[in-house]
């Protein structure tokens, strides 16, 4: 009589029953922690340098206006004309009364255009204005 060794018939597979739960948790984690870029900047600008700057804590209150080297003005994702700024910013101010307007303006821009933009913002009652700059080291 011959004796044969019998092995256990258990399979050595990785259990995959909880895999959908793990995938869902990872997907949810990345959706919550990822920040998406809201606006594509269409104008070419170079910020002026400053010796001291102050960081704005609440970014939800900030609305950006970009003005490029070629004097094109951008609000949100569109290029606008100077006379359209008042209506756009007034509508934003109605939705968000404590809005801060951050001007990201090319350092070589004509000061006359900057003054005109400031006047349009004043007409829209957007009186909290921030001037963006790079810090000079």
N, C-alpha and C. Protein backbone atom coordinates (compact mmCIF):
# COMPACT_ATOMS: atom_id res chain seq x y z
N UNK A 1 0.81 -1.16 0.00
CA UNK A 1 0.00 0.00 0.00
C UNK A 1 0.87 1.25 0.00
N UNK A 2 0.52 2.13 -0.90
CA UNK A 2 1.25 3.39 -1.04
C UNK A 2 0.45 4.50 -0.39
N UNK A 3 1.19 5.31 0.35
CA UNK A 3 0.53 6.47 0.95
C UNK A 3 0.86 7.71 0.15
N UNK A 4 -0.16 8.47 -0.17
CA UNK A 4 0.05 9.73 -0.91
C UNK A 4 -0.21 10.91 0.02
N UNK A 5 0.59 11.90 -0.19
CA UNK A 5 0.39 13.12 0.59
C UNK A 5 -0.73 13.92 -0.05
N UNK A 6 -1.66 14.24 0.76
CA UNK A 6 -2.76 15.06 0.25
C UNK A 6 -2.57 16.48 0.76
N UNK A 7 -2.72 17.36 -0.12
CA UNK A 7 -2.60 18.77 0.25
C UNK A 7 -3.99 19.35 0.44
N UNK A 8 -4.04 20.37 1.23
CA UNK A 8 -5.34 21.04 1.43
C UNK A 8 -5.79 21.67 0.13
N UNK A 9 -7.04 21.66 -0.11
CA UNK A 9 -7.56 22.17 -1.38
C UNK A 9 -7.94 23.65 -1.31
N UNK A 10 -7.30 24.40 -0.43
CA UNK A 10 -7.60 25.83 -0.33
C UNK A 10 -6.81 26.58 -1.39
N UNK A 11 -7.44 27.60 -1.94
CA UNK A 11 -6.79 28.41 -2.96
C UNK A 11 -6.13 29.61 -2.30
N UNK A 12 -5.00 30.02 -2.82
CA UNK A 12 -4.24 31.14 -2.27
C UNK A 12 -4.51 32.41 -3.08
N UNK A 13 -5.74 32.87 -3.12
CA UNK A 13 -6.09 34.07 -3.87
C UNK A 13 -6.32 35.23 -2.92
N UNK A 14 -6.16 36.40 -3.44
CA UNK A 14 -6.41 37.60 -2.65
C UNK A 14 -7.91 37.88 -2.67
N UNK A 15 -8.50 38.11 -1.52
CA UNK A 15 -9.95 38.39 -1.51
C UNK A 15 -10.22 39.77 -2.13
N UNK A 16 -11.17 39.82 -3.02
CA UNK A 16 -11.48 41.07 -3.72
C UNK A 16 -12.88 41.59 -3.39
N UNK A 17 -13.46 41.11 -2.37
CA UNK A 17 -14.82 41.52 -2.03
C UNK A 17 -14.89 42.99 -1.61
N UNK A 18 -13.85 43.48 -0.94
CA UNK A 18 -13.88 44.87 -0.46
C UNK A 18 -13.21 45.84 -1.44
N UNK A 19 -12.78 45.40 -2.59
CA UNK A 19 -12.09 46.26 -3.53
C UNK A 19 -12.96 47.43 -4.02
N UNK A 20 -14.24 47.25 -4.33
CA UNK A 20 -15.06 48.41 -4.74
C UNK A 20 -15.14 49.48 -3.65
N UNK A 21 -15.19 49.05 -2.40
CA UNK A 21 -15.21 50.02 -1.30
C UNK A 21 -13.92 50.83 -1.25
N UNK A 22 -12.82 50.15 -1.42
CA UNK A 22 -11.52 50.83 -1.38
C UNK A 22 -11.39 51.80 -2.55
N UNK A 23 -11.79 51.37 -3.73
CA UNK A 23 -11.72 52.24 -4.91
C UNK A 23 -12.60 53.46 -4.73
N UNK A 24 -13.78 53.27 -4.18
CA UNK A 24 -14.69 54.38 -3.95
C UNK A 24 -14.11 55.37 -2.94
N UNK A 25 -13.51 54.87 -1.88
CA UNK A 25 -12.89 55.76 -0.88
C UNK A 25 -11.73 56.55 -1.47
N UNK A 26 -10.90 55.91 -2.29
CA UNK A 26 -9.80 56.62 -2.94
C UNK A 26 -10.32 57.69 -3.90
N UNK A 27 -11.32 57.33 -4.67
CA UNK A 27 -11.91 58.29 -5.60
C UNK A 27 -12.49 59.48 -4.86
N UNK A 28 -13.20 59.23 -3.79
CA UNK A 28 -13.77 60.30 -2.99
C UNK A 28 -12.68 61.17 -2.36
N UNK A 29 -11.62 60.56 -1.88
CA UNK A 29 -10.51 61.31 -1.29
C UNK A 29 -9.90 62.27 -2.31
N UNK A 30 -9.61 61.78 -3.51
CA UNK A 30 -8.99 62.64 -4.52
C UNK A 30 -9.94 63.71 -5.03
N UNK A 31 -11.23 63.42 -5.06
CA UNK A 31 -12.19 64.44 -5.48
C UNK A 31 -12.27 65.57 -4.46
N UNK A 32 -12.16 65.23 -3.19
CA UNK A 32 -12.27 66.24 -2.14
C UNK A 32 -11.00 67.07 -2.02
N UNK A 33 -9.85 66.46 -2.18
CA UNK A 33 -8.59 67.16 -1.94
C UNK A 33 -8.02 67.87 -3.16
N UNK A 34 -8.50 67.57 -4.33
CA UNK A 34 -7.97 68.18 -5.54
C UNK A 34 -8.55 69.58 -5.74
N UNK A 35 -7.68 70.53 -6.05
CA UNK A 35 -8.15 71.86 -6.41
C UNK A 35 -7.99 72.03 -7.91
N UNK A 36 -9.03 72.53 -8.52
CA UNK A 36 -9.02 72.72 -9.96
C UNK A 36 -8.77 74.18 -10.28
N UNK A 37 -8.07 74.42 -11.34
CA UNK A 37 -7.83 75.78 -11.78
C UNK A 37 -9.12 76.32 -12.37
N UNK A 38 -9.53 77.48 -11.86
CA UNK A 38 -10.83 78.01 -12.26
C UNK A 38 -10.79 78.79 -13.56
N UNK A 39 -9.72 79.52 -13.80
CA UNK A 39 -9.68 80.44 -14.93
C UNK A 39 -8.41 80.20 -15.74
N UNK A 40 -8.54 80.18 -17.06
CA UNK A 40 -7.39 80.15 -17.94
C UNK A 40 -7.01 81.59 -18.27
N UNK A 41 -5.79 81.97 -17.94
CA UNK A 41 -5.35 83.34 -18.18
C UNK A 41 -5.01 83.48 -19.67
N UNK A 42 -5.68 84.41 -20.33
CA UNK A 42 -5.52 84.61 -21.77
C UNK A 42 -4.60 85.77 -22.11
N UNK A 43 -4.26 86.60 -21.12
CA UNK A 43 -3.42 87.76 -21.38
C UNK A 43 -2.01 87.50 -20.87
N UNK A 44 -1.05 88.13 -21.49
CA UNK A 44 0.35 88.00 -21.10
C UNK A 44 0.72 89.18 -20.21
N UNK A 45 1.15 88.90 -18.98
CA UNK A 45 1.47 89.98 -18.06
C UNK A 45 2.65 89.58 -17.18
N UNK A 46 3.34 90.58 -16.67
CA UNK A 46 4.43 90.37 -15.74
C UNK A 46 4.17 91.28 -14.55
N UNK A 47 4.00 90.69 -13.37
CA UNK A 47 3.65 91.46 -12.18
C UNK A 47 4.82 92.33 -11.72
N UNK A 48 4.51 93.49 -11.17
CA UNK A 48 5.57 94.31 -10.58
C UNK A 48 6.09 93.67 -9.29
N UNK A 49 7.25 94.13 -8.84
CA UNK A 49 7.84 93.59 -7.62
C UNK A 49 7.59 94.53 -6.46
N UNK A 50 7.44 93.95 -5.27
CA UNK A 50 7.20 94.74 -4.06
C UNK A 50 8.16 94.26 -2.97
N UNK A 51 8.45 95.15 -2.04
CA UNK A 51 9.33 94.78 -0.93
C UNK A 51 8.56 94.06 0.17
N UNK A 52 7.30 94.37 0.33
CA UNK A 52 6.47 93.72 1.34
C UNK A 52 5.08 93.47 0.75
N UNK A 53 4.56 92.29 0.99
CA UNK A 53 3.23 91.96 0.51
C UNK A 53 2.42 91.35 1.65
N UNK A 54 1.12 91.35 1.48
CA UNK A 54 0.22 90.76 2.47
C UNK A 54 -0.65 89.74 1.75
N UNK A 55 -0.74 88.58 2.33
CA UNK A 55 -1.51 87.50 1.72
C UNK A 55 -2.98 87.62 2.13
N UNK A 56 -3.87 87.40 1.16
CA UNK A 56 -5.31 87.41 1.44
C UNK A 56 -5.68 86.03 1.95
N UNK A 57 -6.33 85.99 3.11
CA UNK A 57 -6.66 84.72 3.74
C UNK A 57 -7.85 84.04 3.08
N UNK A 58 -8.92 84.78 2.81
CA UNK A 58 -10.13 84.18 2.27
C UNK A 58 -10.17 84.36 0.75
N UNK A 59 -9.73 83.35 0.02
CA UNK A 59 -9.66 83.43 -1.45
C UNK A 59 -11.04 83.39 -2.10
N UNK A 60 -12.06 82.97 -1.37
CA UNK A 60 -13.41 82.89 -1.95
C UNK A 60 -13.99 84.27 -2.22
N UNK A 61 -13.49 85.28 -1.52
CA UNK A 61 -13.98 86.64 -1.70
C UNK A 61 -13.30 87.38 -2.85
N UNK A 62 -12.28 86.79 -3.45
CA UNK A 62 -11.45 87.48 -4.43
C UNK A 62 -11.95 87.24 -5.85
N UNK A 63 -12.03 88.32 -6.61
CA UNK A 63 -12.31 88.26 -8.04
C UNK A 63 -11.14 88.92 -8.76
N UNK A 64 -10.59 88.26 -9.75
CA UNK A 64 -9.37 88.74 -10.40
C UNK A 64 -9.69 89.46 -11.71
N UNK A 65 -8.93 90.51 -11.95
CA UNK A 65 -8.95 91.21 -13.24
C UNK A 65 -7.50 91.23 -13.72
N UNK A 66 -7.28 90.67 -14.90
CA UNK A 66 -5.95 90.65 -15.50
C UNK A 66 -5.90 91.68 -16.61
N UNK A 67 -4.78 92.42 -16.66
CA UNK A 67 -4.55 93.36 -17.76
C UNK A 67 -3.16 93.07 -18.29
N UNK A 68 -3.10 92.75 -19.59
CA UNK A 68 -1.84 92.33 -20.19
C UNK A 68 -1.04 93.47 -20.79
N UNK A 69 0.10 93.09 -21.36
CA UNK A 69 1.00 94.06 -21.99
C UNK A 69 0.32 94.79 -23.14
N UNK A 70 -0.55 94.08 -23.85
CA UNK A 70 -1.24 94.66 -25.00
C UNK A 70 -2.53 95.38 -24.59
N UNK A 71 -2.69 95.65 -23.29
CA UNK A 71 -3.83 96.38 -22.72
C UNK A 71 -5.16 95.65 -22.88
N UNK A 72 -5.11 94.33 -23.07
CA UNK A 72 -6.34 93.53 -23.07
C UNK A 72 -6.73 93.26 -21.63
N UNK A 73 -8.02 93.32 -21.35
CA UNK A 73 -8.55 93.15 -20.00
C UNK A 73 -9.31 91.83 -19.95
N UNK A 74 -9.00 91.01 -18.94
CA UNK A 74 -9.67 89.72 -18.78
C UNK A 74 -10.32 89.64 -17.42
N UNK A 75 -11.61 89.26 -17.44
CA UNK A 75 -12.35 88.94 -16.22
C UNK A 75 -12.93 87.55 -16.45
N UNK A 76 -12.72 86.66 -15.49
CA UNK A 76 -13.10 85.25 -15.61
C UNK A 76 -12.39 84.65 -16.82
N UNK A 77 -13.10 84.03 -17.74
CA UNK A 77 -12.46 83.39 -18.88
C UNK A 77 -12.62 84.18 -20.18
N UNK A 78 -12.99 85.44 -20.10
CA UNK A 78 -13.24 86.18 -21.33
C UNK A 78 -12.54 87.53 -21.33
N UNK A 79 -12.20 87.96 -22.51
CA UNK A 79 -11.61 89.28 -22.72
C UNK A 79 -12.77 90.27 -22.78
N UNK A 80 -12.67 91.35 -22.02
CA UNK A 80 -13.74 92.34 -21.97
C UNK A 80 -13.20 93.71 -22.35
N UNK A 81 -14.14 94.60 -22.66
CA UNK A 81 -13.78 95.99 -22.94
C UNK A 81 -13.90 96.79 -21.66
N UNK A 82 -13.31 97.95 -21.65
CA UNK A 82 -13.29 98.80 -20.47
C UNK A 82 -14.70 99.16 -20.00
N UNK A 83 -15.60 99.43 -20.93
CA UNK A 83 -16.94 99.85 -20.55
C UNK A 83 -17.82 98.70 -20.04
N UNK A 84 -17.36 97.45 -20.14
CA UNK A 84 -18.11 96.30 -19.64
C UNK A 84 -17.76 95.96 -18.19
N UNK A 85 -16.69 96.53 -17.67
CA UNK A 85 -16.22 96.18 -16.32
C UNK A 85 -17.26 96.54 -15.27
N UNK A 86 -17.87 97.70 -15.40
CA UNK A 86 -18.82 98.15 -14.38
C UNK A 86 -19.97 97.17 -14.20
N UNK A 87 -20.60 96.74 -15.30
CA UNK A 87 -21.74 95.82 -15.20
C UNK A 87 -21.33 94.46 -14.65
N UNK A 88 -20.22 93.92 -15.13
CA UNK A 88 -19.76 92.60 -14.68
C UNK A 88 -19.46 92.62 -13.19
N UNK A 89 -18.73 93.63 -12.75
CA UNK A 89 -18.31 93.67 -11.35
C UNK A 89 -19.48 94.04 -10.44
N UNK A 90 -20.42 94.83 -10.92
CA UNK A 90 -21.60 95.15 -10.11
C UNK A 90 -22.42 93.89 -9.86
N UNK A 91 -22.57 93.05 -10.91
CA UNK A 91 -23.31 91.79 -10.75
C UNK A 91 -22.60 90.86 -9.78
N UNK A 92 -21.28 90.82 -9.84
CA UNK A 92 -20.52 89.99 -8.90
C UNK A 92 -20.68 90.52 -7.47
N UNK A 93 -20.71 91.83 -7.33
CA UNK A 93 -20.84 92.43 -6.00
C UNK A 93 -22.22 92.18 -5.40
N UNK A 94 -23.24 92.09 -6.24
CA UNK A 94 -24.57 91.77 -5.74
C UNK A 94 -24.63 90.35 -5.18
N UNK A 95 -23.92 89.43 -5.82
CA UNK A 95 -23.89 88.05 -5.36
C UNK A 95 -23.01 87.92 -4.11
N UNK A 96 -21.89 88.62 -4.11
CA UNK A 96 -20.92 88.55 -3.01
C UNK A 96 -20.59 89.97 -2.54
N UNK A 97 -21.32 90.50 -1.56
CA UNK A 97 -21.16 91.91 -1.16
C UNK A 97 -19.76 92.28 -0.65
N UNK A 98 -19.03 91.34 -0.06
CA UNK A 98 -17.70 91.64 0.48
C UNK A 98 -16.58 91.32 -0.50
N UNK A 99 -16.85 91.41 -1.78
CA UNK A 99 -15.89 91.03 -2.80
C UNK A 99 -14.63 91.89 -2.75
N UNK A 100 -13.50 91.25 -2.97
CA UNK A 100 -12.22 91.94 -3.09
C UNK A 100 -11.79 91.79 -4.54
N UNK A 101 -11.50 92.90 -5.19
CA UNK A 101 -11.05 92.86 -6.58
C UNK A 101 -9.53 92.89 -6.57
N UNK A 102 -8.93 91.85 -7.12
CA UNK A 102 -7.48 91.77 -7.19
C UNK A 102 -7.05 92.08 -8.61
N UNK A 103 -6.29 93.15 -8.77
CA UNK A 103 -5.81 93.57 -10.09
C UNK A 103 -4.45 92.95 -10.34
N UNK A 104 -4.37 92.16 -11.37
CA UNK A 104 -3.10 91.56 -11.78
C UNK A 104 -2.73 92.23 -13.09
N UNK A 105 -1.91 93.25 -12.96
CA UNK A 105 -1.64 94.15 -14.06
C UNK A 105 -0.17 94.10 -14.43
N UNK A 106 0.10 94.15 -15.73
CA UNK A 106 1.48 94.17 -16.20
C UNK A 106 2.19 95.41 -15.68
N UNK A 107 3.45 95.24 -15.31
CA UNK A 107 4.17 96.35 -14.68
C UNK A 107 4.47 97.49 -15.64
N UNK A 108 4.40 97.26 -16.93
CA UNK A 108 4.68 98.32 -17.91
C UNK A 108 3.40 98.95 -18.46
N UNK A 109 2.27 98.71 -17.81
CA UNK A 109 0.99 99.21 -18.30
C UNK A 109 0.88 100.73 -18.15
N UNK A 110 0.20 101.34 -19.08
CA UNK A 110 -0.07 102.76 -19.04
C UNK A 110 -0.94 103.07 -17.82
N UNK A 111 -0.55 104.03 -17.00
CA UNK A 111 -1.30 104.36 -15.79
C UNK A 111 -2.68 104.95 -16.10
N UNK A 112 -2.87 105.49 -17.28
CA UNK A 112 -4.18 106.02 -17.66
C UNK A 112 -5.22 104.92 -17.71
N UNK A 113 -4.85 103.75 -18.27
CA UNK A 113 -5.78 102.63 -18.34
C UNK A 113 -6.08 102.10 -16.93
N UNK A 114 -5.07 102.05 -16.07
CA UNK A 114 -5.29 101.62 -14.69
C UNK A 114 -6.27 102.55 -13.97
N UNK A 115 -6.12 103.84 -14.19
CA UNK A 115 -7.04 104.81 -13.58
C UNK A 115 -8.45 104.62 -14.11
N UNK A 116 -8.58 104.35 -15.40
CA UNK A 116 -9.91 104.10 -15.98
C UNK A 116 -10.56 102.85 -15.39
N UNK A 117 -9.76 101.80 -15.17
CA UNK A 117 -10.29 100.58 -14.55
C UNK A 117 -10.73 100.87 -13.12
N UNK A 118 -9.95 101.63 -12.40
CA UNK A 118 -10.32 102.00 -11.03
C UNK A 118 -11.62 102.80 -11.00
N UNK A 119 -11.81 103.69 -11.95
CA UNK A 119 -13.04 104.47 -12.02
C UNK A 119 -14.24 103.57 -12.31
N UNK A 120 -14.08 102.58 -13.19
CA UNK A 120 -15.17 101.64 -13.48
C UNK A 120 -15.51 100.81 -12.25
N UNK A 121 -14.50 100.42 -11.50
CA UNK A 121 -14.74 99.67 -10.26
C UNK A 121 -15.44 100.55 -9.22
N UNK A 122 -15.08 101.81 -9.18
CA UNK A 122 -15.73 102.74 -8.26
C UNK A 122 -17.20 102.90 -8.61
N UNK A 123 -17.52 102.97 -9.91
CA UNK A 123 -18.92 103.08 -10.34
C UNK A 123 -19.72 101.83 -9.97
N UNK A 124 -19.04 100.68 -9.93
CA UNK A 124 -19.71 99.41 -9.58
C UNK A 124 -19.72 99.20 -8.07
N UNK A 125 -19.23 100.17 -7.30
CA UNK A 125 -19.15 100.09 -5.84
C UNK A 125 -18.27 98.94 -5.36
N UNK A 126 -17.29 98.58 -6.15
CA UNK A 126 -16.28 97.60 -5.74
C UNK A 126 -15.10 98.40 -5.21
N UNK A 127 -15.12 98.67 -3.93
CA UNK A 127 -14.15 99.59 -3.34
C UNK A 127 -13.00 98.88 -2.64
N UNK A 128 -13.09 97.58 -2.48
CA UNK A 128 -12.00 96.82 -1.88
C UNK A 128 -11.11 96.30 -3.01
N UNK A 129 -9.99 96.97 -3.22
CA UNK A 129 -9.11 96.65 -4.35
C UNK A 129 -7.75 96.21 -3.81
N UNK A 130 -7.24 95.17 -4.41
CA UNK A 130 -5.93 94.62 -4.07
C UNK A 130 -5.07 94.65 -5.33
N UNK A 131 -3.81 95.02 -5.19
CA UNK A 131 -2.88 95.04 -6.32
C UNK A 131 -1.92 93.89 -6.15
N UNK A 132 -1.95 92.91 -7.06
CA UNK A 132 -1.08 91.75 -6.95
C UNK A 132 0.32 92.09 -7.39
N UNK A 133 1.29 91.47 -6.73
CA UNK A 133 2.69 91.69 -7.10
C UNK A 133 3.53 90.48 -6.68
N UNK A 134 4.74 90.45 -7.19
CA UNK A 134 5.72 89.47 -6.76
C UNK A 134 6.58 90.09 -5.68
N UNK A 135 7.08 89.30 -4.78
CA UNK A 135 7.94 89.83 -3.71
C UNK A 135 9.38 89.92 -4.21
N UNK A 136 10.01 91.03 -3.91
CA UNK A 136 11.39 91.26 -4.29
C UNK A 136 12.28 90.78 -3.16
N UNK A 137 13.17 89.88 -3.48
CA UNK A 137 14.06 89.30 -2.45
C UNK A 137 15.35 90.09 -2.35
